[in-house]
Amino acid sequence: MRFYTKQHKFYCGIDLHAKKMYLCILDETGEIRLHRNIKTDRELFLKAIAPYRENIVVAIECMFTWYQPSLKLRPDMLDRRSMC
């Protein structure tokens, strides 16, 4: 696990569900820049964070009970390597 020891320009929190994900992006001062419920889709996610990708940290909350089975059934749903 990497630990971030410096301030970042943007912080993204995701409440991840099988069909929807709720995104919240804050800037370094704590101002909300994006607050949106979107379909759980890699392309939609990348499009939503595109203006902030220069210097963003992303944290994802999800329930373990569906997370692992969903990755096995739909590996296209989340590909952490391609989000970087």
N, C-alpha and C. Protein backbone atom coordinates (compact mmCIF):
# COMPACT_ATOMS: atom_id res chain seq x y z
N MET A 1 0.84 -1.17 0.00
CA MET A 1 0.00 0.00 0.00
C MET A 1 0.89 1.24 0.00
N ARG A 2 0.56 2.19 -0.82
CA ARG A 2 1.28 3.45 -0.85
C ARG A 2 0.64 4.43 0.12
N PHE A 3 1.47 5.17 0.81
CA PHE A 3 0.97 6.20 1.71
C PHE A 3 1.30 7.56 1.12
N TYR A 4 0.33 8.41 1.07
CA TYR A 4 0.52 9.75 0.53
C TYR A 4 0.89 10.69 1.66
N THR A 5 2.01 11.36 1.51
CA THR A 5 2.49 12.24 2.56
C THR A 5 2.46 13.70 2.16
N LYS A 6 1.95 14.00 0.99
CA LYS A 6 1.88 15.39 0.55
C LYS A 6 0.43 15.77 0.25
N GLN A 7 0.19 17.04 0.18
CA GLN A 7 -1.14 17.56 -0.14
C GLN A 7 -1.41 17.34 -1.63
N HIS A 8 -2.63 16.99 -1.96
CA HIS A 8 -3.03 16.83 -3.35
C HIS A 8 -4.03 17.91 -3.72
N LYS A 9 -4.17 18.14 -5.00
CA LYS A 9 -5.07 19.19 -5.47
C LYS A 9 -6.54 18.76 -5.36
N PHE A 10 -6.81 17.47 -5.63
CA PHE A 10 -8.18 16.96 -5.60
C PHE A 10 -8.25 15.62 -4.89
N TYR A 11 -9.40 15.38 -4.25
CA TYR A 11 -9.67 14.12 -3.55
C TYR A 11 -11.02 13.61 -4.03
N CYS A 12 -11.06 12.34 -4.43
CA CYS A 12 -12.30 11.74 -4.92
C CYS A 12 -12.69 10.58 -4.02
N GLY A 13 -13.92 10.62 -3.54
CA GLY A 13 -14.49 9.53 -2.77
C GLY A 13 -15.58 8.87 -3.59
N ILE A 14 -15.59 7.55 -3.59
CA ILE A 14 -16.58 6.81 -4.37
C ILE A 14 -17.30 5.82 -3.46
N ASP A 15 -18.62 5.88 -3.48
CA ASP A 15 -19.45 4.86 -2.83
C ASP A 15 -19.88 3.94 -3.96
N LEU A 16 -19.25 2.78 -4.03
CA LEU A 16 -19.40 1.88 -5.18
C LEU A 16 -20.46 0.83 -4.95
N HIS A 17 -21.35 0.70 -5.90
CA HIS A 17 -22.39 -0.33 -5.89
C HIS A 17 -22.35 -1.05 -7.23
N ALA A 18 -23.07 -2.13 -7.35
CA ALA A 18 -23.03 -2.95 -8.56
C ALA A 18 -23.48 -2.19 -9.81
N LYS A 19 -24.51 -1.35 -9.69
CA LYS A 19 -25.04 -0.66 -10.86
C LYS A 19 -24.78 0.84 -10.86
N LYS A 20 -24.56 1.43 -9.70
CA LYS A 20 -24.34 2.88 -9.58
C LYS A 20 -23.13 3.15 -8.70
N MET A 21 -22.53 4.29 -8.91
CA MET A 21 -21.46 4.76 -8.03
C MET A 21 -21.69 6.24 -7.76
N TYR A 22 -21.49 6.62 -6.50
CA TYR A 22 -21.67 8.01 -6.13
C TYR A 22 -20.30 8.63 -5.97
N LEU A 23 -20.03 9.67 -6.77
CA LEU A 23 -18.73 10.35 -6.76
C LEU A 23 -18.83 11.67 -6.02
N CYS A 24 -17.80 11.97 -5.27
CA CYS A 24 -17.67 13.29 -4.67
C CYS A 24 -16.21 13.69 -4.80
N ILE A 25 -15.97 14.81 -5.47
CA ILE A 25 -14.61 15.32 -5.62
C ILE A 25 -14.51 16.65 -4.89
N LEU A 26 -13.51 16.72 -4.01
CA LEU A 26 -13.23 17.94 -3.26
C LEU A 26 -11.90 18.51 -3.72
N ASP A 27 -11.78 19.84 -3.66
CA ASP A 27 -10.47 20.43 -3.95
C ASP A 27 -9.68 20.51 -2.65
N GLU A 28 -8.48 21.04 -2.71
CA GLU A 28 -7.59 21.08 -1.54
C GLU A 28 -8.11 21.94 -0.40
N THR A 29 -9.07 22.82 -0.70
CA THR A 29 -9.65 23.66 0.36
C THR A 29 -10.91 23.04 0.95
N GLY A 30 -11.36 21.91 0.40
CA GLY A 30 -12.55 21.24 0.89
C GLY A 30 -13.82 21.62 0.15
N GLU A 31 -13.69 22.44 -0.90
CA GLU A 31 -14.86 22.83 -1.69
C GLU A 31 -15.27 21.68 -2.61
N ILE A 32 -16.57 21.41 -2.66
CA ILE A 32 -17.10 20.35 -3.52
C ILE A 32 -17.01 20.79 -4.98
N ARG A 33 -16.32 19.99 -5.78
CA ARG A 33 -16.19 20.27 -7.21
C ARG A 33 -17.14 19.42 -8.04
N LEU A 34 -17.44 18.21 -7.56
CA LEU A 34 -18.33 17.30 -8.27
C LEU A 34 -19.06 16.46 -7.23
N HIS A 35 -20.36 16.29 -7.41
CA HIS A 35 -21.18 15.51 -6.49
C HIS A 35 -22.22 14.85 -7.36
N ARG A 36 -22.00 13.61 -7.75
CA ARG A 36 -22.86 13.02 -8.78
C ARG A 36 -23.01 11.51 -8.60
N ASN A 37 -24.18 11.01 -8.90
CA ASN A 37 -24.47 9.58 -8.94
C ASN A 37 -24.44 9.16 -10.40
N ILE A 38 -23.55 8.23 -10.75
CA ILE A 38 -23.44 7.79 -12.14
C ILE A 38 -23.52 6.27 -12.23
N LYS A 39 -23.75 5.78 -13.42
CA LYS A 39 -23.76 4.35 -13.68
C LYS A 39 -22.34 3.81 -13.44
N THR A 40 -22.23 2.62 -12.87
CA THR A 40 -20.92 2.01 -12.63
C THR A 40 -20.36 1.56 -13.98
N ASP A 41 -19.56 2.43 -14.54
CA ASP A 41 -19.01 2.21 -15.88
C ASP A 41 -17.65 2.90 -15.94
N ARG A 42 -16.64 2.17 -16.37
CA ARG A 42 -15.28 2.70 -16.41
C ARG A 42 -15.17 3.98 -17.23
N GLU A 43 -15.76 3.99 -18.41
CA GLU A 43 -15.66 5.15 -19.30
C GLU A 43 -16.35 6.38 -18.70
N LEU A 44 -17.52 6.18 -18.08
CA LEU A 44 -18.22 7.30 -17.44
C LEU A 44 -17.41 7.85 -16.27
N PHE A 45 -16.78 6.94 -15.52
CA PHE A 45 -15.95 7.36 -14.40
C PHE A 45 -14.76 8.19 -14.89
N LEU A 46 -14.07 7.69 -15.90
CA LEU A 46 -12.91 8.41 -16.43
C LEU A 46 -13.30 9.77 -17.00
N LYS A 47 -14.46 9.84 -17.64
CA LYS A 47 -14.94 11.11 -18.17
C LYS A 47 -15.27 12.09 -17.04
N ALA A 48 -15.87 11.59 -15.96
CA ALA A 48 -16.25 12.45 -14.84
C ALA A 48 -15.03 13.04 -14.13
N ILE A 49 -13.96 12.25 -14.00
CA ILE A 49 -12.79 12.76 -13.28
C ILE A 49 -11.75 13.41 -14.20
N ALA A 50 -12.00 13.40 -15.50
CA ALA A 50 -11.02 13.93 -16.46
C ALA A 50 -10.49 15.33 -16.12
N PRO A 51 -11.33 16.29 -15.75
CA PRO A 51 -10.81 17.63 -15.46
C PRO A 51 -9.92 17.69 -14.21
N TYR A 52 -9.94 16.64 -13.39
CA TYR A 52 -9.24 16.64 -12.11
C TYR A 52 -8.07 15.65 -12.06
N ARG A 53 -7.85 14.91 -13.13
CA ARG A 53 -6.90 13.79 -13.11
C ARG A 53 -5.44 14.21 -12.94
N GLU A 54 -5.13 15.45 -13.12
CA GLU A 54 -3.75 15.92 -13.02
C GLU A 54 -3.13 15.58 -11.66
N ASN A 55 -3.92 15.74 -10.60
CA ASN A 55 -3.38 15.53 -9.26
C ASN A 55 -4.52 15.12 -8.32
N ILE A 56 -4.97 13.87 -8.46
CA ILE A 56 -6.13 13.40 -7.70
C ILE A 56 -5.79 12.11 -6.94
N VAL A 57 -6.39 11.98 -5.78
CA VAL A 57 -6.32 10.75 -5.00
C VAL A 57 -7.74 10.20 -4.94
N VAL A 58 -7.89 8.90 -5.19
CA VAL A 58 -9.21 8.28 -5.22
C VAL A 58 -9.32 7.23 -4.11
N ALA A 59 -10.41 7.30 -3.35
CA ALA A 59 -10.71 6.31 -2.32
C ALA A 59 -12.06 5.69 -2.65
N ILE A 60 -12.15 4.37 -2.57
CA ILE A 60 -13.37 3.66 -2.93
C ILE A 60 -13.89 2.88 -1.73
N GLU A 61 -15.17 3.04 -1.46
CA GLU A 61 -15.85 2.27 -0.42
C GLU A 61 -16.79 1.30 -1.12
N CYS A 62 -16.70 0.05 -0.74
CA CYS A 62 -17.62 -0.93 -1.31
C CYS A 62 -17.79 -2.08 -0.31
N MET A 63 -18.85 -2.81 -0.48
CA MET A 63 -19.07 -3.98 0.36
C MET A 63 -18.34 -5.15 -0.25
N PHE A 64 -17.57 -5.83 0.54
CA PHE A 64 -16.79 -6.96 0.07
C PHE A 64 -17.68 -8.08 -0.45
N THR A 65 -18.90 -8.19 0.05
CA THR A 65 -19.75 -9.32 -0.31
C THR A 65 -20.08 -9.39 -1.80
N TRP A 66 -20.17 -8.25 -2.48
CA TRP A 66 -20.45 -8.31 -3.92
C TRP A 66 -19.25 -7.94 -4.76
N TYR A 67 -18.27 -7.29 -4.17
CA TYR A 67 -17.14 -6.77 -4.94
C TYR A 67 -16.37 -7.87 -5.67
N GLN A 68 -15.95 -8.91 -4.97
CA GLN A 68 -15.18 -9.97 -5.60
C GLN A 68 -15.99 -10.73 -6.65
N PRO A 69 -17.22 -11.15 -6.37
CA PRO A 69 -18.00 -11.83 -7.41
C PRO A 69 -18.24 -10.95 -8.64
N SER A 70 -18.45 -9.66 -8.44
CA SER A 70 -18.72 -8.80 -9.60
C SER A 70 -17.50 -8.68 -10.48
N LEU A 71 -16.31 -8.69 -9.91
CA LEU A 71 -15.10 -8.63 -10.72
C LEU A 71 -14.91 -9.90 -11.53
N LYS A 72 -15.31 -11.03 -10.95
CA LYS A 72 -15.19 -12.29 -11.68
C LYS A 72 -16.21 -12.38 -12.82
N LEU A 73 -17.41 -11.86 -12.56
CA LEU A 73 -18.46 -11.92 -13.58
C LEU A 73 -18.29 -10.84 -14.65
N ARG A 74 -17.81 -9.68 -14.23
CA ARG A 74 -17.67 -8.56 -15.16
C ARG A 74 -16.30 -7.90 -14.97
N PRO A 75 -15.24 -8.52 -15.45
CA PRO A 75 -13.91 -7.95 -15.24
C PRO A 75 -13.74 -6.59 -15.90
N ASP A 76 -14.59 -6.26 -16.87
CA ASP A 76 -14.51 -4.96 -17.53
C ASP A 76 -15.03 -3.84 -16.64
N MET A 77 -15.76 -4.20 -15.56
CA MET A 77 -16.40 -3.20 -14.72
C MET A 77 -15.36 -2.33 -13.99
N LEU A 78 -14.34 -2.94 -13.46
CA LEU A 78 -13.31 -2.18 -12.77
C LEU A 78 -11.94 -2.71 -13.17
N ASP A 79 -11.15 -1.88 -13.76
CA ASP A 79 -9.79 -2.24 -14.11
C ASP A 79 -8.90 -1.16 -13.56
N ARG A 80 -8.37 -1.36 -12.36
CA ARG A 80 -7.60 -0.32 -11.69
C ARG A 80 -6.39 0.11 -12.52
N ARG A 81 -5.78 -0.80 -13.23
CA ARG A 81 -4.59 -0.44 -14.00
C ARG A 81 -4.92 0.55 -15.09
N SER A 82 -6.06 0.46 -15.72
CA SER A 82 -6.40 1.36 -16.81
C SER A 82 -6.96 2.68 -16.33
N MET A 83 -7.27 2.80 -15.01
CA MET A 83 -7.76 4.06 -14.48
C MET A 83 -6.62 5.02 -14.19
N CYS A 84 -5.42 4.52 -14.12
CA CYS A 84 -4.27 5.37 -13.78
C CYS A 84 -3.82 6.20 -14.97
